[in-house]
């Protein structure tokens, strides 16, 4: 499986007031444990001129043996 930590984020503009950000995130809880890696997406909508998060989703990537 490819190393997902090096994938780029992608911004998908649905309209001038709606967008989706798709990306891979990684975090460490303890330096002795492997990184937590997940595929993530955030849907944003502009309301009264301010961008607001409408939906957030993450799917964990199984740890490599």
N, C-alpha and C. Protein backbone atom coordinates (compact mmCIF):
# COMPACT_ATOMS: atom_id res chain seq x y z
N UNK A 1 0.84 -1.18 0.00
CA UNK A 1 0.00 0.00 0.00
C UNK A 1 0.89 1.24 0.00
N UNK A 2 0.49 2.28 -0.72
CA UNK A 2 1.26 3.52 -0.81
C UNK A 2 1.27 4.25 0.53
N UNK A 3 2.30 5.05 0.74
CA UNK A 3 2.39 5.87 1.95
C UNK A 3 1.44 7.05 1.79
N UNK A 4 0.31 7.03 2.49
CA UNK A 4 -0.73 8.03 2.31
C UNK A 4 -0.36 9.39 2.89
N UNK A 5 0.66 9.46 3.75
CA UNK A 5 1.01 10.74 4.36
C UNK A 5 1.54 11.74 3.35
N UNK A 6 1.91 11.29 2.15
CA UNK A 6 2.48 12.19 1.16
C UNK A 6 1.46 12.60 0.09
N UNK A 7 0.22 12.23 0.26
CA UNK A 7 -0.80 12.62 -0.71
C UNK A 7 -1.16 14.08 -0.50
N UNK A 8 -1.51 14.74 -1.54
CA UNK A 8 -1.89 16.14 -1.47
C UNK A 8 -3.36 16.28 -1.10
N UNK A 9 -3.68 17.45 -0.63
CA UNK A 9 -5.09 17.74 -0.39
C UNK A 9 -5.70 18.19 -1.71
N UNK A 10 -7.01 18.10 -1.77
CA UNK A 10 -7.72 18.49 -3.00
C UNK A 10 -8.92 19.32 -2.61
N UNK A 11 -9.06 20.47 -3.23
CA UNK A 11 -10.20 21.35 -3.00
C UNK A 11 -11.14 21.23 -4.19
N UNK A 12 -12.39 20.90 -3.91
CA UNK A 12 -13.40 20.75 -4.96
C UNK A 12 -14.41 21.87 -4.77
N UNK A 13 -14.43 22.83 -5.70
CA UNK A 13 -15.39 23.94 -5.63
C UNK A 13 -16.70 23.50 -6.29
N UNK A 14 -17.75 23.45 -5.50
CA UNK A 14 -19.06 23.07 -6.03
C UNK A 14 -19.80 24.27 -6.60
N UNK A 15 -19.59 25.42 -5.98
CA UNK A 15 -20.15 26.70 -6.42
C UNK A 15 -19.36 27.78 -5.71
N UNK A 16 -19.76 29.03 -5.86
CA UNK A 16 -19.04 30.10 -5.17
C UNK A 16 -19.29 30.08 -3.66
N UNK A 17 -20.29 29.33 -3.21
CA UNK A 17 -20.63 29.27 -1.78
C UNK A 17 -20.54 27.88 -1.16
N UNK A 18 -20.03 26.91 -1.91
CA UNK A 18 -19.94 25.54 -1.40
C UNK A 18 -18.66 24.88 -1.91
N UNK A 19 -17.95 24.19 -1.00
CA UNK A 19 -16.69 23.55 -1.39
C UNK A 19 -16.45 22.33 -0.51
N UNK A 20 -15.65 21.40 -1.04
CA UNK A 20 -15.25 20.21 -0.31
C UNK A 20 -13.73 20.15 -0.29
N UNK A 21 -13.17 19.89 0.88
CA UNK A 21 -11.74 19.69 1.03
C UNK A 21 -11.52 18.22 1.36
N UNK A 22 -10.73 17.52 0.54
CA UNK A 22 -10.44 16.11 0.72
C UNK A 22 -8.94 15.99 0.99
N UNK A 23 -8.57 15.26 2.04
CA UNK A 23 -7.17 15.20 2.42
C UNK A 23 -6.88 13.98 3.28
N UNK A 24 -5.61 13.70 3.47
CA UNK A 24 -5.16 12.64 4.36
C UNK A 24 -4.51 13.29 5.57
N UNK A 25 -4.91 12.85 6.75
CA UNK A 25 -4.35 13.40 7.97
C UNK A 25 -3.62 12.32 8.75
N UNK A 26 -2.62 12.75 9.51
CA UNK A 26 -1.92 11.80 10.39
C UNK A 26 -1.63 12.50 11.71
N UNK A 27 -1.63 11.71 12.77
CA UNK A 27 -1.38 12.23 14.11
C UNK A 27 -0.70 11.16 14.94
N UNK A 28 0.00 11.60 15.94
CA UNK A 28 0.69 10.69 16.85
C UNK A 28 0.15 10.89 18.26
N UNK A 29 -0.24 9.80 18.90
CA UNK A 29 -0.73 9.87 20.27
C UNK A 29 0.43 9.68 21.25
N UNK A 30 1.37 8.85 20.86
CA UNK A 30 2.53 8.54 21.68
C UNK A 30 3.65 8.20 20.70
N UNK A 31 4.83 8.71 20.95
CA UNK A 31 5.91 8.50 19.97
C UNK A 31 6.30 7.04 19.82
N UNK A 32 5.92 6.17 20.76
CA UNK A 32 6.22 4.75 20.65
C UNK A 32 5.16 3.99 19.85
N UNK A 33 4.06 4.64 19.52
CA UNK A 33 2.99 4.00 18.76
C UNK A 33 3.03 4.49 17.32
N UNK A 34 2.49 3.68 16.39
CA UNK A 34 2.45 4.12 15.00
C UNK A 34 1.48 5.29 14.84
N UNK A 35 1.64 6.03 13.76
CA UNK A 35 0.77 7.18 13.49
C UNK A 35 -0.65 6.70 13.22
N UNK A 36 -1.60 7.54 13.62
CA UNK A 36 -3.00 7.36 13.22
C UNK A 36 -3.15 8.08 11.89
N UNK A 37 -3.58 7.36 10.86
CA UNK A 37 -3.73 7.94 9.53
C UNK A 37 -5.18 7.74 9.10
N UNK A 38 -5.78 8.80 8.54
CA UNK A 38 -7.17 8.71 8.09
C UNK A 38 -7.36 9.54 6.82
N UNK A 39 -8.30 9.09 6.01
CA UNK A 39 -8.75 9.86 4.85
C UNK A 39 -9.88 10.74 5.36
N UNK A 40 -9.83 12.03 5.05
CA UNK A 40 -10.77 12.98 5.62
C UNK A 40 -11.39 13.86 4.55
N UNK A 41 -12.61 14.31 4.82
CA UNK A 41 -13.26 15.27 3.94
C UNK A 41 -14.08 16.23 4.79
N UNK A 42 -14.07 17.48 4.38
CA UNK A 42 -14.81 18.53 5.05
C UNK A 42 -15.61 19.29 4.01
N UNK A 43 -16.89 19.47 4.26
CA UNK A 43 -17.77 20.20 3.36
C UNK A 43 -18.03 21.56 4.00
N UNK A 44 -17.79 22.63 3.23
CA UNK A 44 -17.98 23.99 3.73
C UNK A 44 -19.06 24.70 2.92
N UNK A 45 -19.78 25.58 3.60
CA UNK A 45 -20.77 26.43 2.94
C UNK A 45 -20.57 27.85 3.43
N UNK A 46 -20.77 28.82 2.55
CA UNK A 46 -20.64 30.21 2.94
C UNK A 46 -22.02 30.73 3.29
N UNK A 47 -22.15 31.25 4.51
CA UNK A 47 -23.43 31.77 5.01
C UNK A 47 -23.19 33.17 5.56
N UNK A 48 -23.88 34.15 5.02
CA UNK A 48 -23.70 35.55 5.41
C UNK A 48 -22.23 35.98 5.32
N UNK A 49 -21.55 35.51 4.27
CA UNK A 49 -20.17 35.91 4.02
C UNK A 49 -19.10 35.16 4.81
N UNK A 50 -19.53 34.22 5.66
CA UNK A 50 -18.57 33.47 6.48
C UNK A 50 -18.60 32.00 6.11
N UNK A 51 -17.41 31.40 5.92
CA UNK A 51 -17.33 29.97 5.62
C UNK A 51 -17.59 29.19 6.91
N UNK A 52 -18.47 28.18 6.79
CA UNK A 52 -18.82 27.35 7.95
C UNK A 52 -18.70 25.87 7.57
N UNK A 53 -18.24 25.09 8.51
CA UNK A 53 -18.14 23.65 8.30
C UNK A 53 -19.54 23.05 8.37
N UNK A 54 -19.96 22.38 7.31
CA UNK A 54 -21.28 21.77 7.27
C UNK A 54 -21.23 20.27 7.57
N UNK A 55 -20.12 19.61 7.19
CA UNK A 55 -20.00 18.17 7.38
C UNK A 55 -18.53 17.80 7.44
N UNK A 56 -18.18 16.92 8.36
CA UNK A 56 -16.82 16.40 8.47
C UNK A 56 -16.90 14.88 8.51
N UNK A 57 -16.00 14.20 7.82
CA UNK A 57 -15.99 12.75 7.76
C UNK A 57 -14.55 12.28 7.78
N UNK A 58 -14.27 11.18 8.50
CA UNK A 58 -12.95 10.57 8.43
C UNK A 58 -13.07 9.06 8.43
N UNK A 59 -12.19 8.44 7.67
CA UNK A 59 -12.14 6.99 7.58
C UNK A 59 -10.72 6.55 7.92
N UNK A 60 -10.54 5.83 9.04
CA UNK A 60 -9.20 5.40 9.42
C UNK A 60 -8.59 4.46 8.37
N UNK A 61 -7.30 4.61 8.15
CA UNK A 61 -6.54 3.72 7.27
C UNK A 61 -5.93 2.66 8.19
N UNK A 62 -6.16 1.37 7.95
CA UNK A 62 -5.60 0.33 8.81
C UNK A 62 -4.07 0.45 8.91
N UNK A 63 -3.56 0.19 10.10
CA UNK A 63 -2.10 0.22 10.33
C UNK A 63 -1.42 -0.84 9.48
N UNK A 64 -0.22 -0.53 9.01
CA UNK A 64 0.57 -1.48 8.23
C UNK A 64 1.26 -2.45 9.18
N UNK A 65 1.28 -3.73 8.83
CA UNK A 65 1.96 -4.72 9.71
C UNK A 65 3.46 -4.54 9.69
